[in-house]
N, C-alpha and C. Protein backbone atom coordinates (compact mmCIF):
# COMPACT_ATOMS: atom_id res chain seq x y z
N MET A 1 117.87 99.15 73.42
CA MET A 1 117.15 99.76 74.54
C MET A 1 116.42 98.68 75.26
N VAL A 2 116.59 98.73 76.60
CA VAL A 2 115.85 97.76 77.48
C VAL A 2 114.81 98.48 78.23
N THR A 3 113.65 97.91 78.22
CA THR A 3 112.52 98.46 79.01
C THR A 3 112.02 97.33 79.94
N SER A 4 111.60 97.79 81.03
CA SER A 4 110.98 96.83 81.98
C SER A 4 109.73 97.35 82.54
N THR A 5 108.93 96.40 82.93
CA THR A 5 107.67 96.78 83.54
C THR A 5 107.54 96.18 84.90
N ILE A 6 106.89 96.86 85.74
CA ILE A 6 106.67 96.41 87.10
C ILE A 6 105.28 95.80 87.19
N GLU A 7 105.23 94.57 87.62
CA GLU A 7 103.94 93.90 87.80
C GLU A 7 103.73 93.68 89.29
N PHE A 8 102.55 93.85 89.70
CA PHE A 8 102.18 93.58 91.15
C PHE A 8 100.78 93.08 91.14
N ASN A 9 100.51 92.26 92.15
CA ASN A 9 99.20 91.70 92.35
C ASN A 9 98.38 92.66 93.20
N VAL A 10 97.12 92.91 92.80
CA VAL A 10 96.33 93.84 93.44
C VAL A 10 95.27 93.03 94.23
N SER A 11 95.15 93.28 95.47
CA SER A 11 94.09 92.64 96.32
C SER A 11 92.78 93.40 96.22
N ALA A 12 91.73 92.76 96.52
CA ALA A 12 90.37 93.36 96.51
C ALA A 12 90.12 94.11 97.79
N VAL A 13 89.22 95.04 97.76
CA VAL A 13 88.86 95.80 98.90
C VAL A 13 87.95 95.01 99.83
N GLU A 14 88.21 95.14 101.10
CA GLU A 14 87.44 94.49 102.11
C GLU A 14 86.56 95.48 102.84
N HIS A 15 87.09 96.65 103.16
CA HIS A 15 86.39 97.68 103.89
C HIS A 15 86.97 99.05 103.62
N VAL A 16 86.12 100.09 103.68
CA VAL A 16 86.48 101.46 103.45
C VAL A 16 86.14 102.35 104.66
N THR A 17 87.05 103.15 105.11
CA THR A 17 86.82 104.11 106.17
C THR A 17 87.25 105.48 105.69
N VAL A 18 86.36 106.47 105.89
CA VAL A 18 86.68 107.82 105.59
C VAL A 18 86.55 108.69 106.80
N THR A 19 87.66 109.37 107.18
CA THR A 19 87.63 110.34 108.28
C THR A 19 87.75 111.70 107.73
N PHE A 20 87.75 112.73 108.60
CA PHE A 20 87.82 114.11 108.12
C PHE A 20 89.06 114.44 107.30
N ASP A 21 90.18 113.59 107.44
CA ASP A 21 91.38 113.89 106.71
C ASP A 21 92.00 112.75 105.92
N ALA A 22 91.38 111.58 106.00
CA ALA A 22 92.00 110.43 105.32
C ALA A 22 90.99 109.38 104.79
N LEU A 23 91.41 108.66 103.78
CA LEU A 23 90.69 107.53 103.20
C LEU A 23 91.55 106.34 103.52
N THR A 24 90.98 105.32 104.20
CA THR A 24 91.66 104.12 104.48
C THR A 24 90.86 102.92 103.86
N VAL A 25 91.63 102.13 103.07
CA VAL A 25 91.01 101.00 102.41
C VAL A 25 91.73 99.75 102.93
N ASP A 26 90.96 98.82 103.47
CA ASP A 26 91.49 97.60 103.94
C ASP A 26 91.39 96.56 102.80
N LEU A 27 92.53 95.92 102.51
CA LEU A 27 92.54 94.97 101.34
C LEU A 27 92.43 93.55 101.85
N SER A 28 92.04 92.67 100.99
CA SER A 28 91.83 91.26 101.30
C SER A 28 93.10 90.59 101.74
N ASP A 29 94.26 91.13 101.47
CA ASP A 29 95.55 90.55 101.82
C ASP A 29 95.96 90.99 103.23
N GLY A 30 95.09 91.84 103.87
CA GLY A 30 95.35 92.33 105.21
C GLY A 30 96.06 93.66 105.23
N CYS A 31 96.40 94.14 104.07
CA CYS A 31 97.08 95.43 104.05
C CYS A 31 96.16 96.59 103.96
N PRO A 32 96.32 97.60 104.88
CA PRO A 32 95.58 98.83 104.76
C PRO A 32 96.28 99.85 103.95
N ILE A 33 95.54 100.62 103.20
CA ILE A 33 96.17 101.74 102.42
C ILE A 33 95.48 103.02 102.96
N THR A 34 96.25 104.02 103.38
CA THR A 34 95.68 105.24 103.88
C THR A 34 96.25 106.41 103.08
N VAL A 35 95.38 107.23 102.54
CA VAL A 35 95.83 108.32 101.71
C VAL A 35 95.13 109.60 102.22
N PRO A 36 95.70 110.74 101.95
CA PRO A 36 95.01 112.04 102.40
C PRO A 36 93.72 112.19 101.65
N LEU A 37 92.69 112.62 102.37
CA LEU A 37 91.39 112.88 101.82
C LEU A 37 91.48 114.02 100.78
N ALA A 38 92.45 114.91 100.94
CA ALA A 38 92.63 116.03 100.08
C ALA A 38 92.85 115.60 98.65
N TRP A 39 93.29 114.35 98.47
CA TRP A 39 93.54 113.83 97.08
C TRP A 39 92.23 113.70 96.36
N TYR A 40 91.10 113.64 97.06
CA TYR A 40 89.78 113.41 96.41
C TYR A 40 88.83 114.55 96.87
N PRO A 41 88.85 115.67 96.15
CA PRO A 41 88.05 116.78 96.55
C PRO A 41 86.55 116.56 96.78
N ARG A 42 86.00 115.64 95.94
CA ARG A 42 84.62 115.36 96.11
C ARG A 42 84.30 114.70 97.44
N LEU A 43 85.23 113.89 97.87
CA LEU A 43 85.05 113.25 99.19
C LEU A 43 85.25 114.31 100.28
N MET A 44 86.12 115.28 100.07
CA MET A 44 86.34 116.31 101.06
C MET A 44 85.10 117.15 101.29
N HIS A 45 84.27 117.31 100.23
CA HIS A 45 83.10 118.17 100.32
C HIS A 45 81.79 117.35 100.50
N ALA A 46 81.93 116.13 100.86
CA ALA A 46 80.76 115.22 101.07
C ALA A 46 80.20 115.32 102.45
N THR A 47 78.93 114.94 102.55
CA THR A 47 78.29 114.79 103.90
C THR A 47 78.71 113.40 104.42
N GLU A 48 78.47 113.27 105.74
CA GLU A 48 78.73 111.95 106.35
C GLU A 48 77.94 110.81 105.63
N SER A 49 76.70 111.04 105.37
CA SER A 49 75.87 109.98 104.75
C SER A 49 76.37 109.72 103.34
N GLU A 50 76.85 110.73 102.63
CA GLU A 50 77.36 110.52 101.24
C GLU A 50 78.63 109.65 101.34
N LEU A 51 79.51 109.94 102.26
CA LEU A 51 80.72 109.19 102.46
C LEU A 51 80.46 107.75 102.78
N GLN A 52 79.39 107.43 103.50
CA GLN A 52 79.07 106.06 103.92
C GLN A 52 78.39 105.26 102.79
N ASN A 53 77.92 105.96 101.74
CA ASN A 53 77.15 105.34 100.65
C ASN A 53 78.11 104.96 99.49
N TRP A 54 78.95 104.00 99.81
CA TRP A 54 79.91 103.51 98.78
C TRP A 54 79.60 102.05 98.51
N ARG A 55 80.01 101.63 97.34
CA ARG A 55 79.88 100.16 97.01
C ARG A 55 81.11 99.78 96.20
N LEU A 56 81.36 98.50 96.22
CA LEU A 56 82.49 97.96 95.50
C LEU A 56 82.14 97.80 94.02
N ILE A 57 83.12 98.02 93.13
CA ILE A 57 82.91 97.86 91.70
C ILE A 57 84.12 97.09 91.18
N GLY A 58 83.97 96.57 89.97
CA GLY A 58 85.06 95.85 89.29
C GLY A 58 85.57 94.70 90.11
N LYS A 59 84.63 93.88 90.59
CA LYS A 59 84.92 92.67 91.38
C LYS A 59 85.74 92.98 92.68
N GLY A 60 85.52 94.17 93.24
CA GLY A 60 86.18 94.55 94.48
C GLY A 60 87.47 95.31 94.28
N TYR A 61 87.85 95.66 93.02
CA TYR A 61 89.06 96.36 92.76
C TYR A 61 88.89 97.84 92.62
N GLY A 62 87.64 98.33 92.88
CA GLY A 62 87.39 99.73 92.83
C GLY A 62 86.22 100.05 93.83
N ILE A 63 86.16 101.32 94.14
CA ILE A 63 85.11 101.89 95.01
C ILE A 63 84.33 102.90 94.31
N HIS A 64 82.99 102.90 94.46
CA HIS A 64 82.18 103.90 93.83
C HIS A 64 81.28 104.59 94.83
N TRP A 65 81.21 105.94 94.82
CA TRP A 65 80.33 106.69 95.62
C TRP A 65 79.27 107.26 94.73
N GLU A 66 78.11 106.68 94.67
CA GLU A 66 77.03 107.04 93.75
C GLU A 66 76.63 108.52 93.92
N ASP A 67 76.43 108.97 95.14
CA ASP A 67 75.98 110.37 95.37
C ASP A 67 77.01 111.44 94.94
N LEU A 68 78.24 111.01 94.87
CA LEU A 68 79.32 111.96 94.54
C LEU A 68 79.91 111.74 93.13
N ASP A 69 79.43 110.67 92.52
CA ASP A 69 79.99 110.32 91.16
C ASP A 69 81.51 110.23 91.20
N GLU A 70 82.01 109.43 92.20
CA GLU A 70 83.47 109.32 92.44
C GLU A 70 83.77 107.81 92.37
N ASP A 71 84.83 107.49 91.62
CA ASP A 71 85.34 106.16 91.52
C ASP A 71 86.82 106.16 91.89
N ILE A 72 87.29 105.25 92.71
CA ILE A 72 88.67 105.14 93.07
C ILE A 72 89.07 103.68 92.93
N SER A 73 90.18 103.43 92.22
CA SER A 73 90.68 102.05 92.06
C SER A 73 91.72 101.72 93.09
N VAL A 74 91.86 100.42 93.44
CA VAL A 74 92.91 99.93 94.30
C VAL A 74 94.25 100.22 93.61
N GLU A 75 94.36 100.01 92.40
CA GLU A 75 95.57 100.22 91.69
C GLU A 75 96.06 101.71 91.78
N GLY A 76 95.08 102.61 91.59
CA GLY A 76 95.45 104.02 91.75
C GLY A 76 95.87 104.40 93.12
N LEU A 77 95.20 103.76 94.17
CA LEU A 77 95.68 104.01 95.51
C LEU A 77 97.09 103.53 95.75
N LEU A 78 97.37 102.31 95.25
CA LEU A 78 98.71 101.70 95.43
C LEU A 78 99.80 102.49 94.69
N LEU A 79 99.41 103.13 93.56
CA LEU A 79 100.37 103.91 92.83
C LEU A 79 100.43 105.35 93.36
N GLY A 80 99.63 105.71 94.35
CA GLY A 80 99.70 107.05 94.91
C GLY A 80 99.08 108.11 93.96
N LYS A 81 98.03 107.71 93.19
CA LYS A 81 97.51 108.64 92.25
C LYS A 81 96.24 109.38 92.91
N PRO A 82 96.38 110.68 93.01
CA PRO A 82 95.19 111.44 93.47
C PRO A 82 94.14 111.58 92.34
N SER A 83 93.05 112.17 92.69
CA SER A 83 92.01 112.41 91.68
C SER A 83 92.61 113.08 90.43
N GLY A 84 92.16 112.67 89.29
CA GLY A 84 92.57 113.23 87.99
C GLY A 84 91.58 114.32 87.48
N GLU A 85 90.58 114.67 88.26
CA GLU A 85 89.61 115.59 87.87
C GLU A 85 90.18 116.96 87.69
N SER A 86 89.82 117.65 86.61
CA SER A 86 90.31 119.02 86.43
C SER A 86 89.60 119.96 87.39
N GLN A 87 90.26 121.08 87.68
CA GLN A 87 89.69 122.14 88.54
C GLN A 87 88.39 122.66 87.98
N LYS A 88 88.35 122.76 86.67
CA LYS A 88 87.15 123.31 85.98
C LYS A 88 85.94 122.32 86.23
N SER A 89 86.14 121.02 86.07
CA SER A 89 85.14 120.03 86.32
C SER A 89 84.70 120.01 87.75
N PHE A 90 85.67 120.04 88.68
CA PHE A 90 85.35 120.05 90.11
C PHE A 90 84.55 121.28 90.49
N LYS A 91 84.95 122.44 89.98
CA LYS A 91 84.21 123.66 90.27
C LYS A 91 82.77 123.57 89.81
N ARG A 92 82.55 123.06 88.60
CA ARG A 92 81.20 122.90 88.09
C ARG A 92 80.40 121.94 88.97
N TRP A 93 80.99 120.87 89.39
CA TRP A 93 80.29 119.90 90.23
C TRP A 93 80.00 120.57 91.60
N LEU A 94 80.87 121.31 92.17
CA LEU A 94 80.68 121.99 93.46
C LEU A 94 79.62 123.01 93.34
N GLU A 95 79.62 123.78 92.23
CA GLU A 95 78.48 124.78 92.09
C GLU A 95 77.17 124.12 91.94
N GLY A 96 77.13 122.95 91.30
CA GLY A 96 75.85 122.20 91.15
C GLY A 96 75.35 121.76 92.53
N ARG A 97 76.23 121.40 93.41
CA ARG A 97 75.79 120.98 94.77
C ARG A 97 75.28 122.13 95.57
N VAL A 98 75.87 123.33 95.42
CA VAL A 98 75.44 124.52 96.14
C VAL A 98 74.05 124.89 95.67
N SER A 99 73.86 124.92 94.36
CA SER A 99 72.54 125.37 93.83
C SER A 99 71.45 124.30 94.10
N ALA A 100 71.84 123.04 94.22
CA ALA A 100 70.81 122.00 94.51
C ALA A 100 70.36 122.07 95.94
N SER A 101 71.28 122.49 96.89
CA SER A 101 70.93 122.51 98.22
C SER A 101 70.24 123.84 98.63
N ALA A 102 70.24 124.83 97.73
CA ALA A 102 69.65 126.15 98.06
C ALA A 102 68.18 126.11 97.93
């Protein structure tokens, strides 16, 4: 049996832009990655100020939104992986936001 692995070089994040329907990450190699915001429900339910409050983690290979407890890796974006959060976990998080703002 022959197995093969795919290896690729991952560039670091230079800039992050979030619009009402998309997340765009500009990489240090000049390549932008744009994915649907629907892939990340916590970002979909965030305020503008929460979306702008991001920081780089993992030497620039990931993005963290402190207010949303959301982490997204460059590798995950390149592989087309949406959020792996369960519906139950997301619902609990969303209910916590509603009760905190009431």
